[in-house]
Amino acid sequence: MFFMNDLNDIYGFTLIELIIVVTIVGIMGGVMLVLVNPRRVEDRTRDSMRITNLQKIAGVADSHHASNGVYPAEQDGRFESSYLSVWPEDEPVEGDVYTYEYDLDSNTYMIHVTGSGDSYLIYRSQLGRTMRCKELYDEDTCVRITGT
């Protein structure tokens, strides 16, 4: 009889309670994984670096224009300038190519790079801002990137 009283005084969790808690924790973990999609965060980080590089190149082209009255001439998708020590290449991902296109007739330029998610990141001098476009030369597919 003494032995039976000791077993009734033991407190703990039942198997059902443990299964419910583990299930709830699993569901919460799955929801967090979807909300904090690591791939999407990585893509946004890379695109932020690409946008920064586009704006640096645009700043150099604008400085060249302020000093010389014209934008730098295009040379194989790039330009030479004393304001730019190194052309960004393979930043942030190997294979990223920043292309500069100058239009002499309108005295404007465009700089572009392939972004994440099958899109292009484009800076156009006549607009003075960076855009995300589905097609490279179709402005109807472009969306302005906020903060640029």
C-alpha atoms as a PDB file:
ATOM      1  CA  MET A   1       0.000   0.000   0.000  1.00  0.00           C
ATOM      2  CA  PHE A   2       2.849   2.359   0.766  1.00  0.00           C
ATOM      3  CA  PHE A   3       4.255   1.820  -2.728  1.00  0.00           C
ATOM      4  CA  MET A   4       0.954   2.735  -4.432  1.00  0.00           C
ATOM      5  CA  ASN A   5       0.693   6.067  -2.605  1.00  0.00           C
ATOM      6  CA  ASP A   6       4.139   7.118  -3.847  1.00  0.00           C
ATOM      7  CA  LEU A   7       3.140   6.556  -7.489  1.00  0.00           C
ATOM      8  CA  ASN A   8       0.006   8.687  -7.187  1.00  0.00           C
ATOM      9  CA  ASP A   9       2.020  11.644  -5.893  1.00  0.00           C
ATOM     10  CA  ILE A  10       4.304  11.787  -8.953  1.00  0.00           C
ATOM     11  CA  TYR A  11       3.568  14.737 -11.195  1.00  0.00           C
ATOM     12  CA  GLY A  12       4.526  15.010 -14.875  1.00  0.00           C
ATOM     13  CA  PHE A  13       3.277  15.394 -18.420  1.00  0.00           C
ATOM     14  CA  THR A  14       1.150  12.847 -20.156  1.00  0.00           C
ATOM     15  CA  LEU A  15       2.071  11.553 -23.596  1.00  0.00           C
ATOM     16  CA  ILE A  16      -0.837  13.472 -25.152  1.00  0.00           C
ATOM     17  CA  GLU A  17       0.380  16.761 -23.659  1.00  0.00           C
ATOM     18  CA  LEU A  18       3.892  16.189 -24.990  1.00  0.00           C
ATOM     19  CA  ILE A  19       2.593  15.351 -28.483  1.00  0.00           C
ATOM     20  CA  ILE A  20       0.472  18.535 -28.530  1.00  0.00           C
ATOM     21  CA  VAL A  21       3.408  20.723 -27.466  1.00  0.00           C
ATOM     22  CA  VAL A  22       5.765  19.187 -30.053  1.00  0.00           C
ATOM     23  CA  THR A  23       3.128  19.656 -32.773  1.00  0.00           C
ATOM     24  CA  ILE A  24       2.587  23.321 -31.861  1.00  0.00           C
ATOM     25  CA  VAL A  25       6.333  23.990 -31.828  1.00  0.00           C
ATOM     26  CA  GLY A  26       6.677  22.292 -35.236  1.00  0.00           C
ATOM     27  CA  ILE A  27       3.872  24.366 -36.751  1.00  0.00           C
ATOM     28  CA  MET A  28       5.383  27.579 -35.371  1.00  0.00           C
ATOM     29  CA  GLY A  29       8.790  26.639 -36.803  1.00  0.00           C
ATOM     30  CA  GLY A  30       7.278  25.977 -40.219  1.00  0.00           C
ATOM     31  CA  VAL A  31       5.470  29.318 -40.212  1.00  0.00           C
ATOM     32  CA  MET A  32       8.675  31.154 -39.241  1.00  0.00           C
ATOM     33  CA  LEU A  33      10.603  29.437 -42.038  1.00  0.00           C
ATOM     34  CA  VAL A  34       8.037  30.648 -44.557  1.00  0.00           C
ATOM     35  CA  LEU A  35       7.992  34.199 -43.152  1.00  0.00           C
ATOM     36  CA  VAL A  36      11.782  34.511 -42.953  1.00  0.00           C
ATOM     37  CA  ASN A  37      12.546  32.865 -46.280  1.00  0.00           C
ATOM     38  CA  PRO A  38      16.356  32.770 -46.303  1.00  0.00           C
ATOM     39  CA  ARG A  39      16.560  32.664 -50.104  1.00  0.00           C
ATOM     40  CA  ARG A  40      14.425  35.796 -50.454  1.00  0.00           C
ATOM     41  CA  VAL A  41      16.515  37.610 -47.835  1.00  0.00           C
ATOM     42  CA  GLU A  42      19.704  36.628 -49.675  1.00  0.00           C
ATOM     43  CA  ASP A  43      18.274  37.821 -53.019  1.00  0.00           C
ATOM     44  CA  ARG A  44      17.277  41.176 -51.502  1.00  0.00           C
ATOM     45  CA  THR A  45      20.744  41.615 -50.032  1.00  0.00           C
ATOM     46  CA  ARG A  46      22.401  40.902 -53.375  1.00  0.00           C
ATOM     47  CA  ASP A  47      20.034  43.264 -55.192  1.00  0.00           C
ATOM     48  CA  SER A  48      20.829  45.988 -52.644  1.00  0.00           C
ATOM     49  CA  MET A  49      24.514  45.593 -53.451  1.00  0.00           C
ATOM     50  CA  ARG A  50      23.749  45.703 -57.183  1.00  0.00           C
ATOM     51  CA  ILE A  51      21.674  48.881 -56.752  1.00  0.00           C
ATOM     52  CA  THR A  52      24.502  50.494 -54.789  1.00  0.00           C
ATOM     53  CA  ASN A  53      26.950  49.628 -57.574  1.00  0.00           C
ATOM     54  CA  LEU A  54      24.575  51.055 -60.207  1.00  0.00           C
ATOM     55  CA  GLN A  55      24.283  54.282 -58.245  1.00  0.00           C
ATOM     56  CA  LYS A  56      28.070  54.528 -57.828  1.00  0.00           C
ATOM     57  CA  ILE A  57      28.578  54.154 -61.591  1.00  0.00           C
ATOM     58  CA  ALA A  58      25.807  56.701 -62.232  1.00  0.00           C
ATOM     59  CA  GLY A  59      27.472  59.121 -59.814  1.00  0.00           C
ATOM     60  CA  VAL A  60      30.757  58.764 -61.670  1.00  0.00           C
ATOM     61  CA  ALA A  61      29.045  59.353 -65.036  1.00  0.00           C
ATOM     62  CA  ASP A  62      27.268  62.427 -63.636  1.00  0.00           C
ATOM     63  CA  SER A  63      30.549  63.773 -62.208  1.00  0.00           C
ATOM     64  CA  HIS A  64      32.179  63.270 -65.615  1.00  0.00           C
ATOM     65  CA  HIS A  65      29.267  65.162 -67.196  1.00  0.00           C
ATOM     66  CA  ALA A  66      29.573  68.019 -64.693  1.00  0.00           C
ATOM     67  CA  SER A  67      33.304  68.355 -65.392  1.00  0.00           C
ATOM     68  CA  ASN A  68      33.323  67.831 -69.176  1.00  0.00           C
ATOM     69  CA  GLY A  69      29.818  68.754 -70.352  1.00  0.00           C
ATOM     70  CA  VAL A  70      29.143  65.292 -71.793  1.00  0.00           C
ATOM     71  CA  TYR A  71      28.691  61.826 -70.394  1.00  0.00           C
ATOM     72  CA  PRO A  72      31.578  59.399 -70.864  1.00  0.00           C
ATOM     73  CA  ALA A  73      31.677  57.514 -74.147  1.00  0.00           C
ATOM     74  CA  GLU A  74      30.808  53.840 -74.127  1.00  0.00           C
ATOM     75  CA  GLN A  75      33.658  51.379 -74.582  1.00  0.00           C
ATOM     76  CA  ASP A  76      32.530  47.741 -74.693  1.00  0.00           C
ATOM     77  CA  GLY A  77      29.731  48.361 -72.196  1.00  0.00           C
ATOM     78  CA  ARG A  78      31.972  50.360 -69.857  1.00  0.00           C
ATOM     79  CA  PHE A  79      33.684  53.719 -69.705  1.00  0.00           C
ATOM     80  CA  GLU A  80      37.027  55.064 -68.581  1.00  0.00           C
ATOM     81  CA  SER A  81      37.064  57.764 -65.920  1.00  0.00           C
ATOM     82  CA  SER A  82      39.502  59.100 -63.379  1.00  0.00           C
ATOM     83  CA  TYR A  83      36.585  59.136 -60.917  1.00  0.00           C
ATOM     84  CA  LEU A  84      36.224  55.343 -61.022  1.00  0.00           C
ATOM     85  CA  SER A  85      39.206  53.271 -59.957  1.00  0.00           C
ATOM     86  CA  VAL A  86      37.696  49.816 -60.552  1.00  0.00           C
ATOM     87  CA  TRP A  87      34.640  48.840 -62.590  1.00  0.00           C
ATOM     88  CA  PRO A  88      32.407  46.558 -60.475  1.00  0.00           C
ATOM     89  CA  GLU A  89      32.662  43.047 -61.811  1.00  0.00           C
ATOM     90  CA  ASP A  90      31.310  39.808 -60.343  1.00  0.00           C
ATOM     91  CA  GLU A  91      29.761  41.779 -57.474  1.00  0.00           C
ATOM     92  CA  PRO A  92      28.000  40.509 -55.430  1.00  0.00           C
ATOM     93  CA  VAL A  93      27.765  37.253 -57.381  1.00  0.00           C
ATOM     94  CA  GLU A  94      30.214  35.837 -59.885  1.00  0.00           C
ATOM     95  CA  GLY A  95      28.858  36.513 -63.342  1.00  0.00           C
ATOM     96  CA  ASP A  96      27.255  39.885 -62.552  1.00  0.00           C
ATOM     97  CA  VAL A  97      28.031  42.225 -65.451  1.00  0.00           C
ATOM     98  CA  TYR A  98      27.310  45.948 -65.203  1.00  0.00           C
ATOM     99  CA  THR A  99      26.721  47.407 -68.674  1.00  0.00           C
ATOM    100  CA  TYR A 100      26.860  51.100 -69.564  1.00  0.00           C
ATOM    101  CA  GLU A 101      25.079  52.290 -72.729  1.00  0.00           C
ATOM    102  CA  TYR A 102      25.462  55.895 -73.889  1.00  0.00           C
ATOM    103  CA  ASP A 103      23.133  57.522 -76.427  1.00  0.00           C
ATOM    104  CA  LEU A 104      24.942  60.382 -78.129  1.00  0.00           C
ATOM    105  CA  ASP A 105      21.801  61.766 -79.809  1.00  0.00           C
ATOM    106  CA  SER A 106      19.902  62.329 -76.564  1.00  0.00           C
ATOM    107  CA  ASN A 107      23.034  62.713 -74.376  1.00  0.00           C
ATOM    108  CA  THR A 108      21.642  60.145 -71.908  1.00  0.00           C
ATOM    109  CA  TYR A 109      22.864  56.845 -70.580  1.00  0.00           C
ATOM    110  CA  MET A 110      21.570  53.619 -69.113  1.00  0.00           C
ATOM    111  CA  ILE A 111      23.365  51.224 -66.765  1.00  0.00           C
ATOM    112  CA  HIS A 112      21.962  47.751 -66.167  1.00  0.00           C
ATOM    113  CA  VAL A 113      22.706  44.450 -64.477  1.00  0.00           C
ATOM    114  CA  THR A 114      20.725  41.242 -64.149  1.00  0.00           C
ATOM    115  CA  GLY A 115      18.949  41.129 -60.806  1.00  0.00           C
ATOM    116  CA  SER A 116      17.417  38.261 -58.909  1.00  0.00           C
ATOM    117  CA  GLY A 117      14.158  36.645 -59.984  1.00  0.00           C
ATOM    118  CA  ASP A 118      14.589  36.949 -63.769  1.00  0.00           C
ATOM    119  CA  SER A 119      14.599  40.751 -63.702  1.00  0.00           C
ATOM    120  CA  TYR A 120      16.939  43.570 -64.618  1.00  0.00           C
ATOM    121  CA  LEU A 121      18.060  46.427 -62.409  1.00  0.00           C
ATOM    122  CA  ILE A 122      18.334  49.528 -64.566  1.00  0.00           C
ATOM    123  CA  TYR A 123      19.462  53.098 -63.919  1.00  0.00           C
ATOM    124  CA  ARG A 124      18.416  55.638 -66.565  1.00  0.00           C
ATOM    125  CA  SER A 125      20.007  59.091 -66.515  1.00  0.00           C
ATOM    126  CA  GLN A 126      16.934  60.849 -67.931  1.00  0.00           C
ATOM    127  CA  LEU A 127      14.832  59.511 -65.027  1.00  0.00           C
ATOM    128  CA  GLY A 128      17.532  59.711 -62.366  1.00  0.00           C
ATOM    129  CA  ARG A 129      16.415  56.564 -60.570  1.00  0.00           C
ATOM    130  CA  THR A 130      16.834  52.807 -60.441  1.00  0.00           C
ATOM    131  CA  MET A 131      14.068  50.496 -61.646  1.00  0.00           C
ATOM    132  CA  ARG A 132      13.385  46.759 -61.695  1.00  0.00           C
ATOM    133  CA  CYS A 133      12.255  45.606 -65.143  1.00  0.00           C
ATOM    134  CA  LYS A 134      11.124  42.279 -66.561  1.00  0.00           C
ATOM    135  CA  GLU A 135      12.396  43.230 -70.029  1.00  0.00           C
ATOM    136  CA  LEU A 136      15.589  45.188 -70.572  1.00  0.00           C
ATOM    137  CA  TYR A 137      14.338  47.757 -73.117  1.00  0.00           C
ATOM    138  CA  ASP A 138      10.599  47.784 -72.280  1.00  0.00           C
ATOM    139  CA  GLU A 139       9.751  50.520 -69.772  1.00  0.00           C
ATOM    140  CA  ASP A 140       6.186  49.215 -69.462  1.00  0.00           C
ATOM    141  CA  THR A 141       7.552  46.257 -67.468  1.00  0.00           C
ATOM    142  CA  CYS A 142       9.469  48.482 -65.022  1.00  0.00           C
ATOM    143  CA  VAL A 143       8.697  49.253 -61.394  1.00  0.00           C
ATOM    144  CA  ARG A 144      10.456  52.004 -59.501  1.00  0.00           C
ATOM    145  CA  ILE A 145      12.537  50.768 -56.602  1.00  0.00           C
ATOM    146  CA  THR A 146      11.668  52.786 -53.524  1.00  0.00           C
ATOM    147  CA  GLY A 147      14.444  54.665 -51.821  1.00  0.00           C
ATOM    148  CA  THR A 148      16.434  55.351 -54.984  1.00  0.00           C
END
